[in-house]
PDB file of N, CA and C in Angstrom:
ATOM      1  N   UNK A   1       0.824  -1.091  -0.004  1.00  0.00           N
ATOM      2  CA  UNK A   1       0.077   0.153   0.141  1.00  0.00           C
ATOM      3  C   UNK A   1       0.805   0.987   0.433  1.00  0.00           C
ATOM      4  N   UNK A   2       0.741   2.126  -0.858  1.00  0.00           N
ATOM      5  CA  UNK A   2       2.133   3.918  -0.700  1.00  0.00           C
ATOM      6  C   UNK A   2       1.112   4.206  -0.348  1.00  0.00           C
ATOM      7  N   UNK A   3       1.813   4.585   0.644  1.00  0.00           N
ATOM      8  CA  UNK A   3       1.520   6.060   1.484  1.00  0.00           C
ATOM      9  C   UNK A   3       1.247   7.112   1.059  1.00  0.00           C
ATOM     10  N   UNK A   4       0.721   8.122   0.544  1.00  0.00           N
ATOM     11  CA  UNK A   4       0.255   9.711  -0.060  1.00  0.00           C
ATOM     12  C   UNK A   4       0.499  10.541   1.212  1.00  0.00           C
ATOM     13  N   UNK A   5       1.138  11.528   0.967  1.00  0.00           N
ATOM     14  CA  UNK A   5       1.220  12.551   1.579  1.00  0.00           C
ATOM     15  C   UNK A   5       0.380  12.908   2.174  1.00  0.00           C
ATOM     16  N   UNK A   6      -0.950  13.055   1.885  1.00  0.00           N
ATOM     17  CA  UNK A   6      -2.202  13.554   2.524  1.00  0.00           C
ATOM     18  C   UNK A   6      -3.281  12.781   3.569  1.00  0.00           C
ATOM     19  N   UNK A   7      -2.204  11.326   4.170  1.00  0.00           N
ATOM     20  CA  UNK A   7      -2.925   9.606   4.516  1.00  0.00           C
ATOM     21  C   UNK A   7      -2.494  10.971   6.004  1.00  0.00           C
ATOM     22  N   UNK A   8      -3.085   9.830   7.495  1.00  0.00           N
ATOM     23  CA  UNK A   8      -3.264   9.875   7.934  1.00  0.00           C
ATOM     24  C   UNK A   8      -4.241   8.396   8.579  1.00  0.00           C
ATOM     25  N   UNK A   9      -4.133   7.982   9.531  1.00  0.00           N
ATOM     26  CA  UNK A   9      -4.292   7.119   9.913  1.00  0.00           C
ATOM     27  C   UNK A   9      -5.273   6.344   9.735  1.00  0.00           C
ATOM     28  N   UNK A  10      -6.118   7.496   9.696  1.00  0.00           N
ATOM     29  CA  UNK A  10      -7.723   6.767   9.383  1.00  0.00           C
ATOM     30  C   UNK A  10      -7.442   6.545   7.421  1.00  0.00           C
ATOM     31  N   UNK A  11      -7.458   6.773   6.700  1.00  0.00           N
ATOM     32  CA  UNK A  11      -7.337   7.066   5.725  1.00  0.00           C
ATOM     33  C   UNK A  11      -6.350   5.649   5.196  1.00  0.00           C
ATOM     34  N   UNK A  12      -5.325   5.589   6.146  1.00  0.00           N
ATOM     35  CA  UNK A  12      -4.206   5.045   5.494  1.00  0.00           C
ATOM     36  C   UNK A  12      -5.030   3.546   6.176  1.00  0.00           C
ATOM     37  N   UNK A  13      -5.434   3.319   7.113  1.00  0.00           N
ATOM     38  CA  UNK A  13      -6.270   2.037   8.152  1.00  0.00           C
ATOM     39  C   UNK A  13      -7.069   1.998   6.831  1.00  0.00           C
ATOM     40  N   UNK A  14      -8.275   2.477   6.359  1.00  0.00           N
ATOM     41  CA  UNK A  14      -9.116   2.181   5.716  1.00  0.00           C
ATOM     42  C   UNK A  14      -8.220   1.100   4.391  1.00  0.00           C
ATOM     43  N   UNK A  15      -7.379   1.661   2.944  1.00  0.00           N
ATOM     44  CA  UNK A  15      -7.145   0.741   2.442  1.00  0.00           C
ATOM     45  C   UNK A  15      -6.642  -0.219   2.826  1.00  0.00           C
ATOM     46  N   UNK A  16      -4.947  -0.152   3.895  1.00  0.00           N
ATOM     47  CA  UNK A  16      -5.149  -1.251   3.598  1.00  0.00           C
ATOM     48  C   UNK A  16      -5.790  -2.511   4.988  1.00  0.00           C
ATOM     49  N   UNK A  17      -6.951  -2.414   5.493  1.00  0.00           N
ATOM     50  CA  UNK A  17      -8.126  -2.874   5.312  1.00  0.00           C
ATOM     51  C   UNK A  17      -8.936  -3.731   4.462  1.00  0.00           C
ATOM     52  N   UNK A  18      -9.094  -3.138   3.436  1.00  0.00           N
ATOM     53  CA  UNK A  18     -10.039  -3.114   2.412  1.00  0.00           C
ATOM     54  C   UNK A  18      -8.803  -4.152   1.867  1.00  0.00           C
ATOM     55  N   UNK A  19      -7.876  -4.239   1.628  1.00  0.00           N
ATOM     56  CA  UNK A  19      -6.528  -5.202   0.750  1.00  0.00           C
ATOM     57  C   UNK A  19      -6.059  -6.362   1.748  1.00  0.00           C
ATOM     58  N   UNK A  20      -6.436  -6.063   3.125  1.00  0.00           N
ATOM     59  CA  UNK A  20      -6.406  -7.380   3.690  1.00  0.00           C
ATOM     60  C   UNK A  20      -7.195  -8.197   3.634  1.00  0.00           C
ATOM     61  N   UNK A  21      -9.003  -7.652   2.788  1.00  0.00           N
ATOM     62  CA  UNK A  21     -10.630  -8.302   2.947  1.00  0.00           C
ATOM     63  C   UNK A  21     -10.129  -9.539   1.859  1.00  0.00           C
ATOM     64  N   UNK A  22      -9.352  -8.873   0.121  1.00  0.00           N
ATOM     65  CA  UNK A  22      -9.019  -9.331  -0.472  1.00  0.00           C
ATOM     66  C   UNK A  22      -7.849 -10.841  -0.545  1.00  0.00           C
ATOM     67  N   UNK A  23      -6.324  -9.914   0.160  1.00  0.00           N
ATOM     68  CA  UNK A  23      -5.458 -11.334   0.282  1.00  0.00           C
ATOM     69  C   UNK A  23      -6.002 -12.122   1.301  1.00  0.00           C
ATOM     70  N   UNK A  24      -6.988 -12.099   2.155  1.00  0.00           N
ATOM     71  CA  UNK A  24      -7.025 -13.631   3.116  1.00  0.00           C
ATOM     72  C   UNK A  24      -7.455 -14.047   3.057  1.00  0.00           C
ATOM     73  N   UNK A  25      -8.255 -14.604   2.384  1.00  0.00           N
ATOM     74  CA  UNK A  25      -8.476 -15.431   1.620  1.00  0.00           C
ATOM     75  C   UNK A  25      -8.179 -16.333   0.408  1.00  0.00           C
ATOM     76  N   UNK A  26      -7.220 -15.579  -0.095  1.00  0.00           N
ATOM     77  CA  UNK A  26      -6.028 -16.118  -1.078  1.00  0.00           C
ATOM     78  C   UNK A  26      -5.465 -17.170  -0.083  1.00  0.00           C
ATOM     79  N   UNK A  27      -5.012 -16.709   0.600  1.00  0.00           N
ATOM     80  CA  UNK A  27      -3.528 -16.430   2.148  1.00  0.00           C
ATOM     81  C   UNK A  27      -4.245 -18.316   2.715  1.00  0.00           C
ATOM     82  N   UNK A  28      -5.337 -18.166   3.128  1.00  0.00           N
ATOM     83  CA  UNK A  28      -5.335 -19.247   4.263  1.00  0.00           C
ATOM     84  C   UNK A  28      -6.178 -20.392   2.841  1.00  0.00           C
ATOM     85  N   UNK A  29      -6.515 -20.504   1.356  1.00  0.00           N
ATOM     86  CA  UNK A  29      -6.308 -21.326   0.789  1.00  0.00           C
ATOM     87  C   UNK A  29      -5.242 -21.525   0.807  1.00  0.00           C
ATOM     88  N   UNK A  30      -3.990 -20.768   0.201  1.00  0.00           N
ATOM     89  CA  UNK A  30      -2.677 -21.766   0.693  1.00  0.00           C
ATOM     90  C   UNK A  30      -1.766 -22.296   2.006  1.00  0.00           C
ATOM     91  N   UNK A  31      -2.891 -21.776   2.657  1.00  0.00           N
ATOM     92  CA  UNK A  31      -2.055 -22.834   4.273  1.00  0.00           C
ATOM     93  C   UNK A  31      -2.990 -24.080   3.700  1.00  0.00           C
ATOM     94  N   UNK A  32      -3.781 -23.729   3.187  1.00  0.00           N
ATOM     95  CA  UNK A  32      -4.712 -25.052   3.273  1.00  0.00           C
ATOM     96  C   UNK A  32      -4.547 -26.653   2.948  1.00  0.00           C
ATOM     97  N   UNK A  33      -4.014 -25.615   1.896  1.00  0.00           N
ATOM     98  CA  UNK A  33      -3.476 -26.963   0.443  1.00  0.00           C
ATOM     99  C   UNK A  33      -2.067 -26.975   0.018  1.00  0.00           C
ATOM    100  N   UNK A  34      -0.827 -26.549   1.122  1.00  0.00           N
ATOM    101  CA  UNK A  34      -0.023 -25.759   1.749  1.00  0.00           C
ATOM    102  C   UNK A  34       1.229 -25.357   0.944  1.00  0.00           C
ATOM    103  N   UNK A  35       0.963 -24.903   0.052  1.00  0.00           N
ATOM    104  CA  UNK A  35       1.422 -24.081  -0.853  1.00  0.00           C
ATOM    105  C   UNK A  35       2.552 -22.550  -0.147  1.00  0.00           C
ATOM    106  N   UNK A  36       1.812 -22.248   1.009  1.00  0.00           N
ATOM    107  CA  UNK A  36       2.654 -21.725   1.883  1.00  0.00           C
ATOM    108  C   UNK A  36       2.242 -22.741   3.088  1.00  0.00           C
ATOM    109  N   UNK A  37       3.643 -22.856   3.756  1.00  0.00           N
ATOM    110  CA  UNK A  37       4.417 -23.464   4.543  1.00  0.00           C
ATOM    111  C   UNK A  37       5.754 -22.683   5.554  1.00  0.00           C
ATOM    112  N   UNK A  38       5.562 -23.512   7.068  1.00  0.00           N
ATOM    113  CA  UNK A  38       6.057 -22.853   7.960  1.00  0.00           C
ATOM    114  C   UNK A  38       7.356 -24.101   8.745  1.00  0.00           C
ATOM    115  N   UNK A  39       8.225 -24.250   8.287  1.00  0.00           N
ATOM    116  CA  UNK A  39       9.430 -25.772   8.404  1.00  0.00           C
ATOM    117  C   UNK A  39      10.700 -24.831   9.036  1.00  0.00           C
ATOM    118  N   UNK A  40      10.956 -25.370  10.351  1.00  0.00           N
ATOM    119  CA  UNK A  40      12.132 -25.255  10.948  1.00  0.00           C
ATOM    120  C   UNK A  40      12.486 -23.312  10.475  1.00  0.00           C
ATOM    121  N   UNK A  41      11.314 -22.585  11.390  1.00  0.00           N
ATOM    122  CA  UNK A  41      11.888 -21.433  11.853  1.00  0.00           C
ATOM    123  C   UNK A  41      11.771 -20.031   9.967  1.00  0.00           C
ATOM    124  N   UNK A  42      11.369 -21.507   8.789  1.00  0.00           N
ATOM    125  CA  UNK A  42      11.119 -20.505   8.289  1.00  0.00           C
ATOM    126  C   UNK A  42       9.686 -20.726   6.811  1.00  0.00           C
ATOM    127  N   UNK A  43       9.546 -19.362   6.292  1.00  0.00           N
ATOM    128  CA  UNK A  43       7.702 -19.491   5.253  1.00  0.00           C
ATOM    129  C   UNK A  43       8.408 -19.986   4.624  1.00  0.00           C
ATOM    130  N   UNK A  44       7.769 -20.862   3.857  1.00  0.00           N
ATOM    131  CA  UNK A  44       8.180 -21.657   2.351  1.00  0.00           C
ATOM    132  C   UNK A  44       6.656 -20.862   1.754  1.00  0.00           C
ATOM    133  N   UNK A  45       6.905 -20.792   0.625  1.00  0.00           N
ATOM    134  CA  UNK A  45       6.043 -20.835  -0.909  1.00  0.00           C
ATOM    135  C   UNK A  45       6.716 -21.681  -2.067  1.00  0.00           C
ATOM    136  N   UNK A  46       5.227 -22.160  -2.619  1.00  0.00           N
ATOM    137  CA  UNK A  46       5.999 -23.456  -3.107  1.00  0.00           C
ATOM    138  C   UNK A  46       6.942 -24.056  -2.589  1.00  0.00           C
ATOM    139  N   UNK A  47       6.935 -24.476  -1.865  1.00  0.00           N
ATOM    140  CA  UNK A  47       8.502 -25.669  -1.357  1.00  0.00           C
ATOM    141  C   UNK A  47      10.245 -24.088  -1.428  1.00  0.00           C
ATOM    142  N   UNK A  48      10.126 -23.210  -1.307  1.00  0.00           N
ATOM    143  CA  UNK A  48      10.936 -22.478  -1.698  1.00  0.00           C
ATOM    144  C   UNK A  48      10.605 -21.025  -0.252  1.00  0.00           C
ATOM    145  N   UNK A  49      12.481 -20.916   0.061  1.00  0.00           N
ATOM    146  CA  UNK A  49      11.835 -20.001   1.358  1.00  0.00           C
ATOM    147  C   UNK A  49      11.505 -18.707   0.914  1.00  0.00           C
ATOM    148  N   UNK A  50      10.554 -17.933   1.750  1.00  0.00           N
ATOM    149  CA  UNK A  50      10.265 -16.675   1.346  1.00  0.00           C
ATOM    150  C   UNK A  50      11.650 -14.984   1.253  1.00  0.00           C
ATOM    151  N   UNK A  51      12.111 -14.772   0.654  1.00  0.00           N
ATOM    152  CA  UNK A  51      13.081 -13.748   1.042  1.00  0.00           C
ATOM    153  C   UNK A  51      12.491 -12.490   1.287  1.00  0.00           C
ATOM    154  N   UNK A  52      11.664 -12.660   0.905  1.00  0.00           N
ATOM    155  CA  UNK A  52      11.007 -11.132   0.101  1.00  0.00           C
ATOM    156  C   UNK A  52       9.732 -11.352   0.165  1.00  0.00           C
ATOM    157  N   UNK A  53       9.178  -9.904   0.626  1.00  0.00           N
ATOM    158  CA  UNK A  53       7.604 -10.269   0.509  1.00  0.00           C
ATOM    159  C   UNK A  53       6.732 -10.466  -0.866  1.00  0.00           C
ATOM    160  N   UNK A  54       5.710 -11.345  -0.338  1.00  0.00           N
ATOM    161  CA  UNK A  54       5.092 -11.801  -2.285  1.00  0.00           C
ATOM    162  C   UNK A  54       4.024 -10.826  -2.761  1.00  0.00           C
ATOM    163  N   UNK A  55       4.325  -9.853  -3.903  1.00  0.00           N
ATOM    164  CA  UNK A  55       3.379  -9.453  -4.515  1.00  0.00           C
ATOM    165  C   UNK A  55       2.689 -10.416  -5.276  1.00  0.00           C
ATOM    166  N   UNK A  56       0.809 -10.353  -4.196  1.00  0.00           N
ATOM    167  CA  UNK A  56      -0.085 -11.211  -4.796  1.00  0.00           C
ATOM    168  C   UNK A  56      -1.003 -10.053  -6.657  1.00  0.00           C
ATOM    169  N   UNK A  57      -0.383  -9.296  -6.611  1.00  0.00           N
ATOM    170  CA  UNK A  57      -0.497  -8.453  -7.973  1.00  0.00           C
ATOM    171  C   UNK A  57      -0.199  -9.061  -8.970  1.00  0.00           C
ATOM    172  N   UNK A  58       1.423  -9.792  -8.944  1.00  0.00           N
ATOM    173  CA  UNK A  58       2.606 -11.075  -9.306  1.00  0.00           C
ATOM    174  C   UNK A  58       2.436 -11.716  -9.959  1.00  0.00           C
ATOM    175  N   UNK A  59       1.342 -12.770  -9.108  1.00  0.00           N
ATOM    176  CA  UNK A  59       0.830 -13.875  -8.549  1.00  0.00           C
ATOM    177  C   UNK A  59       0.340 -14.315  -9.718  1.00  0.00           C
TER     178      UNK A  59
END
C-alpha cells in the first residue's frame, strides 16, 4: 500500500483493511493446500524460502 502525503491514520488504515479482505481468502487457501508452509523457522512458498514479501499482483 502506498502512503500518500495527505494520508492520516484513518485513511491509510482503510486502504490496508480493504486489501486485507482481498488477500485473506487467498492466503487461507494457500495454507490449506500447503502452498505456504512454515518449517524450521522459515516460511516457504511452493517449497522455496520466502526471502522478500510476496507481491500478489505479480502472481
